[in-house]
Amino acid sequence: MIRIILQGKYDIDSFYYNDTLEIKISNKEETRLLNFGNRIVYTKFYEEELVNEANFLYYSLLKKTIKNTTLIQDSDSILLKKIENDTGNFYSKDELKHYVLIAENHIMEVVSFDDVKTVSQLDD
C-alpha cells in the first residue's frame, strides 16, 4: 500500500548520515529536513535522467507527479520482501519502512526501521 507523505516542488540539496540519515530539500519559500532515523537498512540514489520504466518500479508514479516532489511510503514493496528474503527473515518486512523521495532533480529510496520526521524551516 502506497501512502503519500509529502508533496510540493523541492530540490534535494544534500543528504548525510551522521547519527541519523537526513535529507535536506528546498524551494524558494522553505527548506525541509527529512530525518529517517538511525536504523537505516538500505539507501539508493538515482539521477532523474537515468530513471526509466525498466529499472524503476515507481516510474508510473513519477509520470503522474512530474511537477511535484513526492515522498511516499510503500508498506508492501517488492524491495521490503527482497530484504526479508535475502536476510533469512533477520529483517522483517513488517518492521521496515520503504520510502521513495521523487524530487525535481533526483530520486532516493530509503529503507528504515524508523518513521520519517519532517521539519520545515522558512528561508530567511
PDB file of N, CA and C in Angstrom:
ATOM      1  N   MET A   1       0.840  -1.181   0.000  1.00  0.00           N
ATOM      2  CA  MET A   1       0.000   0.000   0.000  1.00  0.00           C
ATOM      3  C   MET A   1       0.885   1.243   0.000  1.00  0.00           C
ATOM      4  N   ILE A   2       0.590   2.166  -0.895  1.00  0.00           N
ATOM      5  CA  ILE A   2       1.378   3.391  -1.023  1.00  0.00           C
ATOM      6  C   ILE A   2       0.657   4.534  -0.327  1.00  0.00           C
ATOM      7  N   ARG A   3       1.414   5.245   0.509  1.00  0.00           N
ATOM      8  CA  ARG A   3       0.882   6.394   1.250  1.00  0.00           C
ATOM      9  C   ARG A   3       1.740   7.606   0.914  1.00  0.00           C
ATOM     10  N   ILE A   4       1.092   8.693   0.492  1.00  0.00           N
ATOM     11  CA  ILE A   4       1.806   9.936   0.188  1.00  0.00           C
ATOM     12  C   ILE A   4       2.018  10.701   1.485  1.00  0.00           C
ATOM     13  N   ILE A   5       3.270  11.053   1.771  1.00  0.00           N
ATOM     14  CA  ILE A   5       3.628  11.758   2.998  1.00  0.00           C
ATOM     15  C   ILE A   5       3.817  13.253   2.746  1.00  0.00           C
ATOM     16  N   LEU A   6       4.357  13.603   1.578  1.00  0.00           N
ATOM     17  CA  LEU A   6       4.700  14.997   1.285  1.00  0.00           C
ATOM     18  C   LEU A   6       4.578  15.234  -0.210  1.00  0.00           C
ATOM     19  N   GLN A   7       4.024  16.383  -0.575  1.00  0.00           N
ATOM     20  CA  GLN A   7       4.023  16.813  -1.969  1.00  0.00           C
ATOM     21  C   GLN A   7       4.348  18.296  -2.025  1.00  0.00           C
ATOM     22  N   GLY A   8       4.977  18.719  -3.094  1.00  0.00           N
ATOM     23  CA  GLY A   8       5.354  20.106  -3.299  1.00  0.00           C
ATOM     24  C   GLY A   8       6.415  20.173  -4.373  1.00  0.00           C
ATOM     25  N   LYS A   9       7.013  21.324  -4.579  1.00  0.00           N
ATOM     26  CA  LYS A   9       8.102  21.473  -5.540  1.00  0.00           C
ATOM     27  C   LYS A   9       9.391  21.701  -4.756  1.00  0.00           C
ATOM     28  N   TYR A  10      10.252  20.690  -4.733  1.00  0.00           N
ATOM     29  CA  TYR A  10      11.504  20.772  -3.983  1.00  0.00           C
ATOM     30  C   TYR A  10      12.646  20.164  -4.783  1.00  0.00           C
ATOM     31  N   ASP A  11      13.837  20.639  -4.503  1.00  0.00           N
ATOM     32  CA  ASP A  11      15.067  20.005  -4.962  1.00  0.00           C
ATOM     33  C   ASP A  11      15.726  19.340  -3.768  1.00  0.00           C
ATOM     34  N   ILE A  12      16.421  18.230  -4.020  1.00  0.00           N
ATOM     35  CA  ILE A  12      17.249  17.634  -2.980  1.00  0.00           C
ATOM     36  C   ILE A  12      18.548  18.438  -2.956  1.00  0.00           C
ATOM     37  N   ASP A  13      18.812  19.100  -1.829  1.00  0.00           N
ATOM     38  CA  ASP A  13      20.018  19.916  -1.693  1.00  0.00           C
ATOM     39  C   ASP A  13      21.190  19.091  -1.189  1.00  0.00           C
ATOM     40  N   SER A  14      20.933  18.254  -0.189  1.00  0.00           N
ATOM     41  CA  SER A  14      22.014  17.450   0.387  1.00  0.00           C
ATOM     42  C   SER A  14      21.415  16.300   1.183  1.00  0.00           C
ATOM     43  N   PHE A  15      22.259  15.330   1.445  1.00  0.00           N
ATOM     44  CA  PHE A  15      21.877  14.249   2.336  1.00  0.00           C
ATOM     45  C   PHE A  15      23.128  13.770   3.033  1.00  0.00           C
ATOM     46  N   TYR A  16      22.968  13.379   4.268  1.00  0.00           N
ATOM     47  CA  TYR A  16      24.125  12.918   5.030  1.00  0.00           C
ATOM     48  C   TYR A  16      23.668  11.974   6.123  1.00  0.00           C
ATOM     49  N   TYR A  17      24.584  11.142   6.523  1.00  0.00           N
ATOM     50  CA  TYR A  17      24.330  10.204   7.618  1.00  0.00           C
ATOM     51  C   TYR A  17      25.394  10.432   8.667  1.00  0.00           C
ATOM     52  N   ASN A  18      24.989  10.999   9.789  1.00  0.00           N
ATOM     53  CA  ASN A  18      25.884  11.165  10.920  1.00  0.00           C
ATOM     54  C   ASN A  18      25.371  10.227  11.995  1.00  0.00           C
ATOM     55  N   ASP A  19      24.516  10.689  12.856  1.00  0.00           N
ATOM     56  CA  ASP A  19      23.826   9.796  13.786  1.00  0.00           C
ATOM     57  C   ASP A  19      22.516   9.309  13.188  1.00  0.00           C
ATOM     58  N   THR A  20      21.966  10.098  12.272  1.00  0.00           N
ATOM     59  CA  THR A  20      20.738   9.746  11.578  1.00  0.00           C
ATOM     60  C   THR A  20      20.887  10.120  10.104  1.00  0.00           C
ATOM     61  N   LEU A  21      20.036   9.532   9.243  1.00  0.00           N
ATOM     62  CA  LEU A  21      20.030   9.922   7.837  1.00  0.00           C
ATOM     63  C   LEU A  21      19.103  11.115   7.681  1.00  0.00           C
ATOM     64  N   GLU A  22      19.655  12.233   7.206  1.00  0.00           N
ATOM     65  CA  GLU A  22      18.865  13.427   6.951  1.00  0.00           C
ATOM     66  C   GLU A  22      19.015  13.843   5.499  1.00  0.00           C
ATOM     67  N   ILE A  23      17.893  14.218   4.901  1.00  0.00           N
ATOM     68  CA  ILE A  23      17.875  14.727   3.538  1.00  0.00           C
ATOM     69  C   ILE A  23      17.305  16.137   3.600  1.00  0.00           C
ATOM     70  N   LYS A  24      18.049  17.085   3.029  1.00  0.00           N
ATOM     71  CA  LYS A  24      17.614  18.483   3.007  1.00  0.00           C
ATOM     72  C   LYS A  24      17.017  18.777   1.630  1.00  0.00           C
ATOM     73  N   ILE A  25      15.742  19.211   1.625  1.00  0.00           N
ATOM     74  CA  ILE A  25      15.081  19.601   0.385  1.00  0.00           C
ATOM     75  C   ILE A  25      14.639  21.045   0.522  1.00  0.00           C
ATOM     76  N   SER A  26      14.580  21.753  -0.612  1.00  0.00           N
ATOM     77  CA  SER A  26      14.185  23.165  -0.519  1.00  0.00           C
ATOM     78  C   SER A  26      13.537  23.643  -1.810  1.00  0.00           C
ATOM     79  N   ASN A  27      12.847  24.761  -1.675  1.00  0.00           N
ATOM     80  CA  ASN A  27      12.341  25.529  -2.805  1.00  0.00           C
ATOM     81  C   ASN A  27      12.528  27.001  -2.459  1.00  0.00           C
ATOM     82  N   LYS A  28      11.915  27.886  -3.193  1.00  0.00           N
ATOM     83  CA  LYS A  28      12.118  29.328  -2.949  1.00  0.00           C
ATOM     84  C   LYS A  28      11.553  29.778  -1.611  1.00  0.00           C
ATOM     85  N   GLU A  29      10.516  29.099  -1.111  1.00  0.00           N
ATOM     86  CA  GLU A  29       9.850  29.528   0.111  1.00  0.00           C
ATOM     87  C   GLU A  29      10.377  28.896   1.390  1.00  0.00           C
ATOM     88  N   GLU A  30      10.850  27.666   1.325  1.00  0.00           N
ATOM     89  CA  GLU A  30      11.222  26.978   2.558  1.00  0.00           C
ATOM     90  C   GLU A  30      12.256  25.887   2.322  1.00  0.00           C
ATOM     91  N   THR A  31      12.815  25.464   3.430  1.00  0.00           N
ATOM     92  CA  THR A  31      13.714  24.314   3.465  1.00  0.00           C
ATOM     93  C   THR A  31      13.104  23.295   4.411  1.00  0.00           C
ATOM     94  N   ARG A  32      13.158  22.037   4.037  1.00  0.00           N
ATOM     95  CA  ARG A  32      12.665  20.964   4.894  1.00  0.00           C
ATOM     96  C   ARG A  32      13.780  19.964   5.136  1.00  0.00           C
ATOM     97  N   LEU A  33      13.856  19.496   6.369  1.00  0.00           N
ATOM     98  CA  LEU A  33      14.754  18.403   6.709  1.00  0.00           C
ATOM     99  C   LEU A  33      13.914  17.155   6.904  1.00  0.00           C
ATOM    100  N   LEU A  34      14.282  16.103   6.202  1.00  0.00           N
ATOM    101  CA  LEU A  34      13.622  14.805   6.342  1.00  0.00           C
ATOM    102  C   LEU A  34      14.570  13.914   7.117  1.00  0.00           C
ATOM    103  N   ASN A  35      14.158  13.468   8.291  1.00  0.00           N
ATOM    104  CA  ASN A  35      15.005  12.638   9.144  1.00  0.00           C
ATOM    105  C   ASN A  35      14.442  11.222   9.134  1.00  0.00           C
ATOM    106  N   PHE A  36      15.260  10.275   8.655  1.00  0.00           N
ATOM    107  CA  PHE A  36      14.843   8.883   8.525  1.00  0.00           C
ATOM    108  C   PHE A  36      15.339   8.010   9.677  1.00  0.00           C
ATOM    109  N   GLY A  37      15.889   8.624  10.693  1.00  0.00           N
ATOM    110  CA  GLY A  37      16.324   7.876  11.869  1.00  0.00           C
ATOM    111  C   GLY A  37      17.716   7.289  11.711  1.00  0.00           C
ATOM    112  N   ASN A  38      18.095   6.468  12.691  1.00  0.00           N
ATOM    113  CA  ASN A  38      19.455   5.924  12.698  1.00  0.00           C
ATOM    114  C   ASN A  38      19.501   4.419  12.439  1.00  0.00           C
ATOM    115  N   ARG A  39      18.355   3.838  12.110  1.00  0.00           N
ATOM    116  CA  ARG A  39      18.340   2.401  11.844  1.00  0.00           C
ATOM    117  C   ARG A  39      18.044   2.149  10.372  1.00  0.00           C
ATOM    118  N   ILE A  40      18.974   2.598   9.522  1.00  0.00           N
ATOM    119  CA  ILE A  40      18.834   2.513   8.069  1.00  0.00           C
ATOM    120  C   ILE A  40      19.334   1.150   7.594  1.00  0.00           C
ATOM    121  N   VAL A  41      18.546   0.522   6.736  1.00  0.00           N
ATOM    122  CA  VAL A  41      18.898  -0.784   6.194  1.00  0.00           C
ATOM    123  C   VAL A  41      19.389  -0.659   4.751  1.00  0.00           C
ATOM    124  N   TYR A  42      18.856   0.334   4.002  1.00  0.00           N
ATOM    125  CA  TYR A  42      19.132   0.427   2.559  1.00  0.00           C
ATOM    126  C   TYR A  42      18.922   1.864   2.109  1.00  0.00           C
ATOM    127  N   THR A  43      19.803   2.337   1.211  1.00  0.00           N
ATOM    128  CA  THR A  43      19.590   3.615   0.527  1.00  0.00           C
ATOM    129  C   THR A  43      20.029   3.463  -0.926  1.00  0.00           C
ATOM    130  N   LYS A  44      19.366   4.172  -1.801  1.00  0.00           N
ATOM    131  CA  LYS A  44      19.761   4.203  -3.212  1.00  0.00           C
ATOM    132  C   LYS A  44      19.435   5.583  -3.756  1.00  0.00           C
ATOM    133  N   PHE A  45      20.345   6.116  -4.561  1.00  0.00           N
ATOM    134  CA  PHE A  45      20.249   7.457  -5.111  1.00  0.00           C
ATOM    135  C   PHE A  45      20.213   7.346  -6.630  1.00  0.00           C
ATOM    136  N   TYR A  46      19.225   7.982  -7.254  1.00  0.00           N
ATOM    137  CA  TYR A  46      19.104   7.972  -8.705  1.00  0.00           C
ATOM    138  C   TYR A  46      19.198   9.398  -9.230  1.00  0.00           C
ATOM    139  N   GLU A  47      19.849   9.540 -10.377  1.00  0.00           N
ATOM    140  CA  GLU A  47      19.743  10.801 -11.097  1.00  0.00           C
ATOM    141  C   GLU A  47      18.523  10.663 -11.982  1.00  0.00           C
ATOM    142  N   GLU A  48      17.674  11.661 -11.997  1.00  0.00           N
ATOM    143  CA  GLU A  48      16.369  11.553 -12.656  1.00  0.00           C
ATOM    144  C   GLU A  48      16.473  11.120 -14.113  1.00  0.00           C
ATOM    145  N   GLU A  49      17.461  11.636 -14.836  1.00  0.00           N
ATOM    146  CA  GLU A  49      17.555  11.305 -16.255  1.00  0.00           C
ATOM    147  C   GLU A  49      17.885   9.826 -16.504  1.00  0.00           C
ATOM    148  N   LEU A  50      18.380   9.135 -15.481  1.00  0.00           N
ATOM    149  CA  LEU A  50      18.698   7.715 -15.627  1.00  0.00           C
ATOM    150  C   LEU A  50      17.523   6.806 -15.287  1.00  0.00           C
ATOM    151  N   VAL A  51      16.463   7.374 -14.783  1.00  0.00           N
ATOM    152  CA  VAL A  51      15.313   6.580 -14.359  1.00  0.00           C
ATOM    153  C   VAL A  51      14.417   6.302 -15.561  1.00  0.00           C
ATOM    154  N   ASN A  52      14.095   5.037 -15.748  1.00  0.00           N
ATOM    155  CA  ASN A  52      13.146   4.673 -16.793  1.00  0.00           C
ATOM    156  C   ASN A  52      12.329   3.476 -16.341  1.00  0.00           C
ATOM    157  N   GLU A  53      11.365   3.085 -17.146  1.00  0.00           N
ATOM    158  CA  GLU A  53      10.460   2.004 -16.768  1.00  0.00           C
ATOM    159  C   GLU A  53      11.185   0.710 -16.456  1.00  0.00           C
ATOM    160  N   ALA A  54      12.269   0.443 -17.139  1.00  0.00           N
ATOM    161  CA  ALA A  54      12.955  -0.837 -16.991  1.00  0.00           C
ATOM    162  C   ALA A  54      13.587  -1.022 -15.617  1.00  0.00           C
ATOM    163  N   ASN A  55      14.066   0.068 -15.001  1.00  0.00           N
ATOM    164  CA  ASN A  55      14.811  -0.123 -13.759  1.00  0.00           C
ATOM    165  C   ASN A  55      14.231   0.592 -12.538  1.00  0.00           C
ATOM    166  N   PHE A  56      13.046   1.177 -12.661  1.00  0.00           N
ATOM    167  CA  PHE A  56      12.486   1.898 -11.523  1.00  0.00           C
ATOM    168  C   PHE A  56      11.006   1.576 -11.388  1.00  0.00           C
ATOM    169  N   LEU A  57      10.670   0.869 -10.316  1.00  0.00           N
ATOM    170  CA  LEU A  57       9.302   0.396 -10.118  1.00  0.00           C
ATOM    171  C   LEU A  57       8.277   1.515  -9.972  1.00  0.00           C
ATOM    172  N   TYR A  58       8.704   2.689  -9.564  1.00  0.00           N
ATOM    173  CA  TYR A  58       7.780   3.790  -9.303  1.00  0.00           C
ATOM    174  C   TYR A  58       7.697   4.758 -10.483  1.00  0.00           C
ATOM    175  N   TYR A  59       8.071   4.287 -11.671  1.00  0.00           N
ATOM    176  CA  TYR A  59       8.084   5.129 -12.867  1.00  0.00           C
ATOM    177  C   TYR A  59       6.697   5.705 -13.168  1.00  0.00           C
ATOM    178  N   SER A  60       5.647   4.901 -13.016  1.00  0.00           N
ATOM    179  CA  SER A  60       4.297   5.397 -13.312  1.00  0.00           C
ATOM    180  C   SER A  60       3.912   6.518 -12.342  1.00  0.00           C
ATOM    181  N   LEU A  61       4.322   6.410 -11.084  1.00  0.00           N
ATOM    182  CA  LEU A  61       4.066   7.477 -10.120  1.00  0.00           C
ATOM    183  C   LEU A  61       4.865   8.721 -10.496  1.00  0.00           C
ATOM    184  N   LEU A  62       6.086   8.529 -10.953  1.00  0.00           N
ATOM    185  CA  LEU A  62       6.921   9.650 -11.373  1.00  0.00           C
ATOM    186  C   LEU A  62       6.245  10.419 -12.504  1.00  0.00           C
ATOM    187  N   LYS A  63       5.661   9.714 -13.456  1.00  0.00           N
ATOM    188  CA  LYS A  63       4.968  10.376 -14.568  1.00  0.00           C
ATOM    189  C   LYS A  63       3.808  11.231 -14.061  1.00  0.00           C
ATOM    190  N   LYS A  64       3.088  10.725 -13.058  1.00  0.00           N
ATOM    191  CA  LYS A  64       1.926  11.434 -12.526  1.00  0.00           C
ATOM    192  C   LYS A  64       2.328  12.651 -11.699  1.00  0.00           C
ATOM    193  N   THR A  65       3.484  12.609 -11.073  1.00  0.00           N
ATOM    194  CA  THR A  65       3.890  13.683 -10.161  1.00  0.00           C
ATOM    195  C   THR A  65       5.051  14.500 -10.703  1.00  0.00           C
ATOM    196  N   ILE A  66       5.230  14.496 -12.004  1.00  0.00           N
ATOM    197  CA  ILE A  66       6.402  15.132 -12.604  1.00  0.00           C
ATOM    198  C   ILE A  66       6.540  16.606 -12.204  1.00  0.00           C
ATOM    199  N   LYS A  67       5.443  17.282 -11.877  1.00  0.00           N
ATOM    200  CA  LYS A  67       5.525  18.691 -11.488  1.00  0.00           C
ATOM    201  C   LYS A  67       5.616  18.874  -9.981  1.00  0.00           C
ATOM    202  N   ASN A  68       5.592  17.786  -9.234  1.00  0.00           N
ATOM    203  CA  ASN A  68       5.648  17.858  -7.774  1.00  0.00           C
ATOM    204  C   ASN A  68       6.693  16.903  -7.231  1.00  0.00           C
ATOM    205  N   THR A  69       7.278  17.307  -6.129  1.00  0.00           N
ATOM    206  CA  THR A  69       8.105  16.400  -5.360  1.00  0.00           C
ATOM    207  C   THR A  69       7.170  15.560  -4.511  1.00  0.00           C
ATOM    208  N   THR A  70       7.447  14.287  -4.417  1.00  0.00           N
ATOM    209  CA  THR A  70       6.577  13.411  -3.650  1.00  0.00           C
ATOM    210  C   THR A  70       7.422  12.504  -2.765  1.00  0.00           C
ATOM    211  N   LEU A  71       7.061  12.424  -1.502  1.00  0.00           N
ATOM    212  CA  LEU A  71       7.648  11.449  -0.588  1.00  0.00           C
ATOM    213  C   LEU A  71       6.554  10.438  -0.285  1.00  0.00           C
ATOM    214  N   ILE A  72       6.821   9.180  -0.627  1.00  0.00           N
ATOM    215  CA  ILE A  72       5.835   8.140  -0.375  1.00  0.00           C
ATOM    216  C   ILE A  72       6.424   7.084   0.552  1.00  0.00           C
ATOM    217  N   GLN A  73       5.535   6.346   1.172  1.00  0.00           N
ATOM    218  CA  GLN A  73       5.913   5.162   1.939  1.00  0.00           C
ATOM    219  C   GLN A  73       5.146   3.993   1.330  1.00  0.00           C
ATOM    220  N   ASP A  74       5.877   2.951   0.933  1.00  0.00           N
ATOM    221  CA  ASP A  74       5.269   1.749   0.364  1.00  0.00           C
ATOM    222  C   ASP A  74       5.407   0.636   1.386  1.00  0.00           C
ATOM    223  N   SER A  75       4.315   0.246   1.994  1.00  0.00           N
ATOM    224  CA  SER A  75       4.364  -0.739   3.077  1.00  0.00           C
ATOM    225  C   SER A  75       4.353  -2.178   2.578  1.00  0.00           C
ATOM    226  N   ASP A  76       4.189  -2.379   1.276  1.00  0.00           N
ATOM    227  CA  ASP A  76       4.155  -3.734   0.727  1.00  0.00           C
ATOM    228  C   ASP A  76       5.014  -3.823  -0.533  1.00  0.00           C
ATOM    229  N   SER A  77       6.203  -3.229  -0.490  1.00  0.00           N
ATOM    230  CA  SER A  77       7.037  -3.153  -1.691  1.00  0.00           C
ATOM    231  C   SER A  77       7.790  -4.451  -1.951  1.00  0.00           C
ATOM    232  N   ILE A  78       8.159  -4.612  -3.197  1.00  0.00           N
ATOM    233  CA  ILE A  78       8.989  -5.751  -3.600  1.00  0.00           C
ATOM    234  C   ILE A  78      10.335  -5.685  -2.893  1.00  0.00           C
ATOM    235  N   LEU A  79      10.866  -4.482  -2.715  1.00  0.00           N
ATOM    236  CA  LEU A  79      12.158  -4.319  -2.042  1.00  0.00           C
ATOM    237  C   LEU A  79      12.102  -4.823  -0.597  1.00  0.00           C
ATOM    238  N   LEU A  80      11.040  -4.514   0.134  1.00  0.00           N
ATOM    239  CA  LEU A  80      10.917  -4.999   1.519  1.00  0.00           C
ATOM    240  C   LEU A  80      10.888  -6.526   1.560  1.00  0.00           C
ATOM    241  N   LYS A  81      10.168  -7.118   0.637  1.00  0.00           N
ATOM    242  CA  LYS A  81      10.095  -8.578   0.570  1.00  0.00           C
ATOM    243  C   LYS A  81      11.464  -9.166   0.229  1.00  0.00           C
ATOM    244  N   LYS A  82      12.201  -8.498  -0.681  1.00  0.00           N
ATOM    245  CA  LYS A  82      13.536  -8.974  -1.064  1.00  0.00           C
ATOM    246  C   LYS A  82      14.502  -8.896   0.115  1.00  0.00           C
ATOM    247  N   ILE A  83      14.471  -7.796   0.856  1.00  0.00           N
ATOM    248  CA  ILE A  83      15.354  -7.648   2.014  1.00  0.00           C
ATOM    249  C   ILE A  83      15.034  -8.726   3.048  1.00  0.00           C
ATOM    250  N   GLU A  84      13.763  -8.968   3.291  1.00  0.00           N
ATOM    251  CA  GLU A  84      13.361 -10.005   4.243  1.00  0.00           C
ATOM    252  C   GLU A  84      13.862 -11.372   3.782  1.00  0.00           C
ATOM    253  N   ASN A  85      13.674 -11.683   2.524  1.00  0.00           N
ATOM    254  CA  ASN A  85      14.091 -12.970   1.971  1.00  0.00           C
ATOM    255  C   ASN A  85      15.614 -13.113   1.964  1.00  0.00           C
ATOM    256  N   ASP A  86      16.322 -12.075   1.510  1.00  0.00           N
ATOM    257  CA  ASP A  86      17.786 -12.121   1.415  1.00  0.00           C
ATOM    258  C   ASP A  86      18.464 -12.241   2.778  1.00  0.00           C
ATOM    259  N   THR A  87      17.794 -11.786   3.839  1.00  0.00           N
ATOM    260  CA  THR A  87      18.393 -11.849   5.174  1.00  0.00           C
ATOM    261  C   THR A  87      17.855 -13.022   5.992  1.00  0.00           C
ATOM    262  N   GLY A  88      17.130 -13.928   5.339  1.00  0.00           N
ATOM    263  CA  GLY A  88      16.586 -15.080   6.048  1.00  0.00           C
ATOM    264  C   GLY A  88      15.650 -14.681   7.175  1.00  0.00           C
ATOM    265  N   ASN A  89      14.843 -13.652   6.929  1.00  0.00           N
ATOM    266  CA  ASN A  89      13.886 -13.109   7.897  1.00  0.00           C
ATOM    267  C   ASN A  89      14.537 -12.421   9.094  1.00  0.00           C
ATOM    268  N   PHE A  90      15.858 -12.137   9.012  1.00  0.00           N
ATOM    269  CA  PHE A  90      16.510 -11.348  10.064  1.00  0.00           C
ATOM    270  C   PHE A  90      15.856  -9.970  10.131  1.00  0.00           C
ATOM    271  N   TYR A  91      15.612  -9.370   8.933  1.00  0.00           N
ATOM    272  CA  TYR A  91      14.836  -8.138   8.831  1.00  0.00           C
ATOM    273  C   TYR A  91      13.441  -8.517   8.369  1.00  0.00           C
ATOM    274  N   SER A  92      12.429  -8.172   9.140  1.00  0.00           N
ATOM    275  CA  SER A  92      11.049  -8.473   8.795  1.00  0.00           C
ATOM    276  C   SER A  92      10.446  -7.308   8.011  1.00  0.00           C
ATOM    277  N   LYS A  93       9.809  -7.612   6.894  1.00  0.00           N
ATOM    278  CA  LYS A  93       9.189  -6.554   6.085  1.00  0.00           C
ATOM    279  C   LYS A  93       8.107  -5.803   6.863  1.00  0.00           C
ATOM    280  N   ASP A  94       7.550  -6.444   7.878  1.00  0.00           N
ATOM    281  CA  ASP A  94       6.517  -5.799   8.681  1.00  0.00           C
ATOM    282  C   ASP A  94       7.081  -4.738   9.621  1.00  0.00           C
ATOM    283  N   GLU A  95       8.372  -4.818   9.917  1.00  0.00           N
ATOM    284  CA  GLU A  95       9.020  -3.833  10.802  1.00  0.00           C
ATOM    285  C   GLU A  95       9.685  -2.702  10.027  1.00  0.00           C
ATOM    286  N   LEU A  96       9.950  -2.928   8.728  1.00  0.00           N
ATOM    287  CA  LEU A  96      10.673  -1.953   7.915  1.00  0.00           C
ATOM    288  C   LEU A  96       9.724  -0.982   7.228  1.00  0.00           C
ATOM    289  N   LYS A  97      10.263   0.187   6.909  1.00  0.00           N
ATOM    290  CA  LYS A  97       9.517   1.214   6.181  1.00  0.00           C
ATOM    291  C   LYS A  97      10.307   1.581   4.933  1.00  0.00           C
ATOM    292  N   HIS A  98       9.657   1.485   3.780  1.00  0.00           N
ATOM    293  CA  HIS A  98      10.285   1.797   2.494  1.00  0.00           C
ATOM    294  C   HIS A  98       9.772   3.157   2.026  1.00  0.00           C
ATOM    295  N   TYR A  99      10.698   4.115   1.899  1.00  0.00           N
ATOM    296  CA  TYR A  99      10.361   5.463   1.456  1.00  0.00           C
ATOM    297  C   TYR A  99      10.974   5.715   0.087  1.00  0.00           C
ATOM    298  N   VAL A 100      10.237   6.447  -0.757  1.00  0.00           N
ATOM    299  CA  VAL A 100      10.743   6.881  -2.055  1.00  0.00           C
ATOM    300  C   VAL A 100      10.515   8.383  -2.131  1.00  0.00           C
ATOM    301  N   LEU A 101      11.600   9.131  -2.351  1.00  0.00           N
ATOM    302  CA  LEU A 101      11.537  10.582  -2.492  1.00  0.00           C
ATOM    303  C   LEU A 101      11.802  10.914  -3.955  1.00  0.00           C
ATOM    304  N   ILE A 102      10.774  11.399  -4.637  1.00  0.00           N
ATOM    305  CA  ILE A 102      10.886  11.792  -6.042  1.00  0.00           C
ATOM    306  C   ILE A 102      10.916  13.313  -6.053  1.00  0.00           C
ATOM    307  N   ALA A 103      12.095  13.878  -6.273  1.00  0.00           N
ATOM    308  CA  ALA A 103      12.264  15.336  -6.240  1.00  0.00           C
ATOM    309  C   ALA A 103      12.434  15.868  -7.659  1.00  0.00           C
ATOM    310  N   GLU A 104      12.560  17.182  -7.760  1.00  0.00           N
ATOM    311  CA  GLU A 104      12.736  17.822  -9.065  1.00  0.00           C
ATOM    312  C   GLU A 104      14.047  17.391  -9.726  1.00  0.00           C
ATOM    313  N   ASN A 105      15.083  17.139  -8.932  1.00  0.00           N
ATOM    314  CA  ASN A 105      16.397  16.889  -9.511  1.00  0.00           C
ATOM    315  C   ASN A 105      16.933  15.473  -9.297  1.00  0.00           C
ATOM    316  N   HIS A 106      16.456  14.743  -8.303  1.00  0.00           N
ATOM    317  CA  HIS A 106      16.956  13.401  -8.033  1.00  0.00           C
ATOM    318  C   HIS A 106      15.853  12.561  -7.403  1.00  0.00           C
ATOM    319  N   ILE A 107      16.150  11.279  -7.272  1.00  0.00           N
ATOM    320  CA  ILE A 107      15.232  10.341  -6.619  1.00  0.00           C
ATOM    321  C   ILE A 107      16.043   9.534  -5.620  1.00  0.00           C
ATOM    322  N   MET A 108      15.464   9.306  -4.439  1.00  0.00           N
ATOM    323  CA  MET A 108      16.134   8.491  -3.423  1.00  0.00           C
ATOM    324  C   MET A 108      15.165   7.468  -2.865  1.00  0.00           C
ATOM    325  N   GLU A 109      15.710   6.296  -2.555  1.00  0.00           N
ATOM    326  CA  GLU A 109      14.966   5.271  -1.842  1.00  0.00           C
ATOM    327  C   GLU A 109      15.661   5.030  -0.515  1.00  0.00           C
ATOM    328  N   VAL A 110      14.873   4.869   0.538  1.00  0.00           N
ATOM    329  CA  VAL A 110      15.397   4.626   1.877  1.00  0.00           C
ATOM    330  C   VAL A 110      14.546   3.543   2.524  1.00  0.00           C
ATOM    331  N   VAL A 111      15.210   2.566   3.149  1.00  0.00           N
ATOM    332  CA  VAL A 111      14.512   1.579   3.973  1.00  0.00           C
ATOM    333  C   VAL A 111      15.049   1.740   5.385  1.00  0.00           C
ATOM    334  N   SER A 112      14.123   1.934   6.325  1.00  0.00           N
ATOM    335  CA  SER A 112      14.494   2.201   7.708  1.00  0.00           C
ATOM    336  C   SER A 112      13.502   1.516   8.644  1.00  0.00           C
ATOM    337  N   PHE A 113      13.941   1.289   9.865  1.00  0.00           N
ATOM    338  CA  PHE A 113      13.022   0.836  10.914  1.00  0.00           C
ATOM    339  C   PHE A 113      12.204   2.007  11.461  1.00  0.00           C
ATOM    340  N   ASP A 114      12.711   3.228  11.260  1.00  0.00           N
ATOM    341  CA  ASP A 114      12.126   4.412  11.888  1.00  0.00           C
ATOM    342  C   ASP A 114      11.146   5.135  10.970  1.00  0.00           C
ATOM    343  N   ASP A 115      10.180   5.831  11.584  1.00  0.00           N
ATOM    344  CA  ASP A 115       9.276   6.701  10.847  1.00  0.00           C
ATOM    345  C   ASP A 115      10.033   7.964  10.431  1.00  0.00           C
ATOM    346  N   VAL A 116       9.744   8.469   9.251  1.00  0.00           N
ATOM    347  CA  VAL A 116      10.377   9.705   8.800  1.00  0.00           C
ATOM    348  C   VAL A 116       9.766  10.870   9.580  1.00  0.00           C
ATOM    349  N   LYS A 117      10.614  11.818   9.934  1.00  0.00           N
ATOM    350  CA  LYS A 117      10.173  13.043  10.586  1.00  0.00           C
ATOM    351  C   LYS A 117      10.528  14.197   9.658  1.00  0.00           C
ATOM    352  N   THR A 118       9.596  15.130   9.472  1.00  0.00           N
ATOM    353  CA  THR A 118       9.868  16.282   8.631  1.00  0.00           C
ATOM    354  C   THR A 118       9.852  17.550   9.473  1.00  0.00           C
ATOM    355  N   VAL A 119      10.822  18.408   9.235  1.00  0.00           N
ATOM    356  CA  VAL A 119      10.918  19.698   9.932  1.00  0.00           C
ATOM    357  C   VAL A 119      10.989  20.770   8.872  1.00  0.00           C
ATOM    358  N   SER A 120      10.065  21.714   8.932  1.00  0.00           N
ATOM    359  CA  SER A 120      10.027  22.814   7.974  1.00  0.00           C
ATOM    360  C   SER A 120      10.742  24.010   8.563  1.00  0.00           C
ATOM    361  N   GLN A 121      11.567  24.656   7.728  1.00  0.00           N
ATOM    362  CA  GLN A 121      12.277  25.852   8.143  1.00  0.00           C
ATOM    363  C   GLN A 121      12.057  26.906   7.083  1.00  0.00           C
ATOM    364  N   LEU A 122      11.548  28.078   7.441  1.00  0.00           N
ATOM    365  CA  LEU A 122      11.381  29.157   6.495  1.00  0.00           C
ATOM    366  C   LEU A 122      12.736  29.735   6.160  1.00  0.00           C
ATOM    367  N   ASP A 123      12.959  29.984   4.864  1.00  0.00           N
ATOM    368  CA  ASP A 123      14.220  30.593   4.458  1.00  0.00           C
ATOM    369  C   ASP A 123      14.214  32.074   4.825  1.00  0.00           C
ATOM    370  N   ASP A 124      15.378  32.573   5.214  1.00  0.00           N
ATOM    371  CA  ASP A 124      15.496  33.995   5.567  1.00  0.00           C
ATOM    372  C   ASP A 124      15.808  34.816   4.349  1.00  0.00           C
TER     373      ASP A 124
END
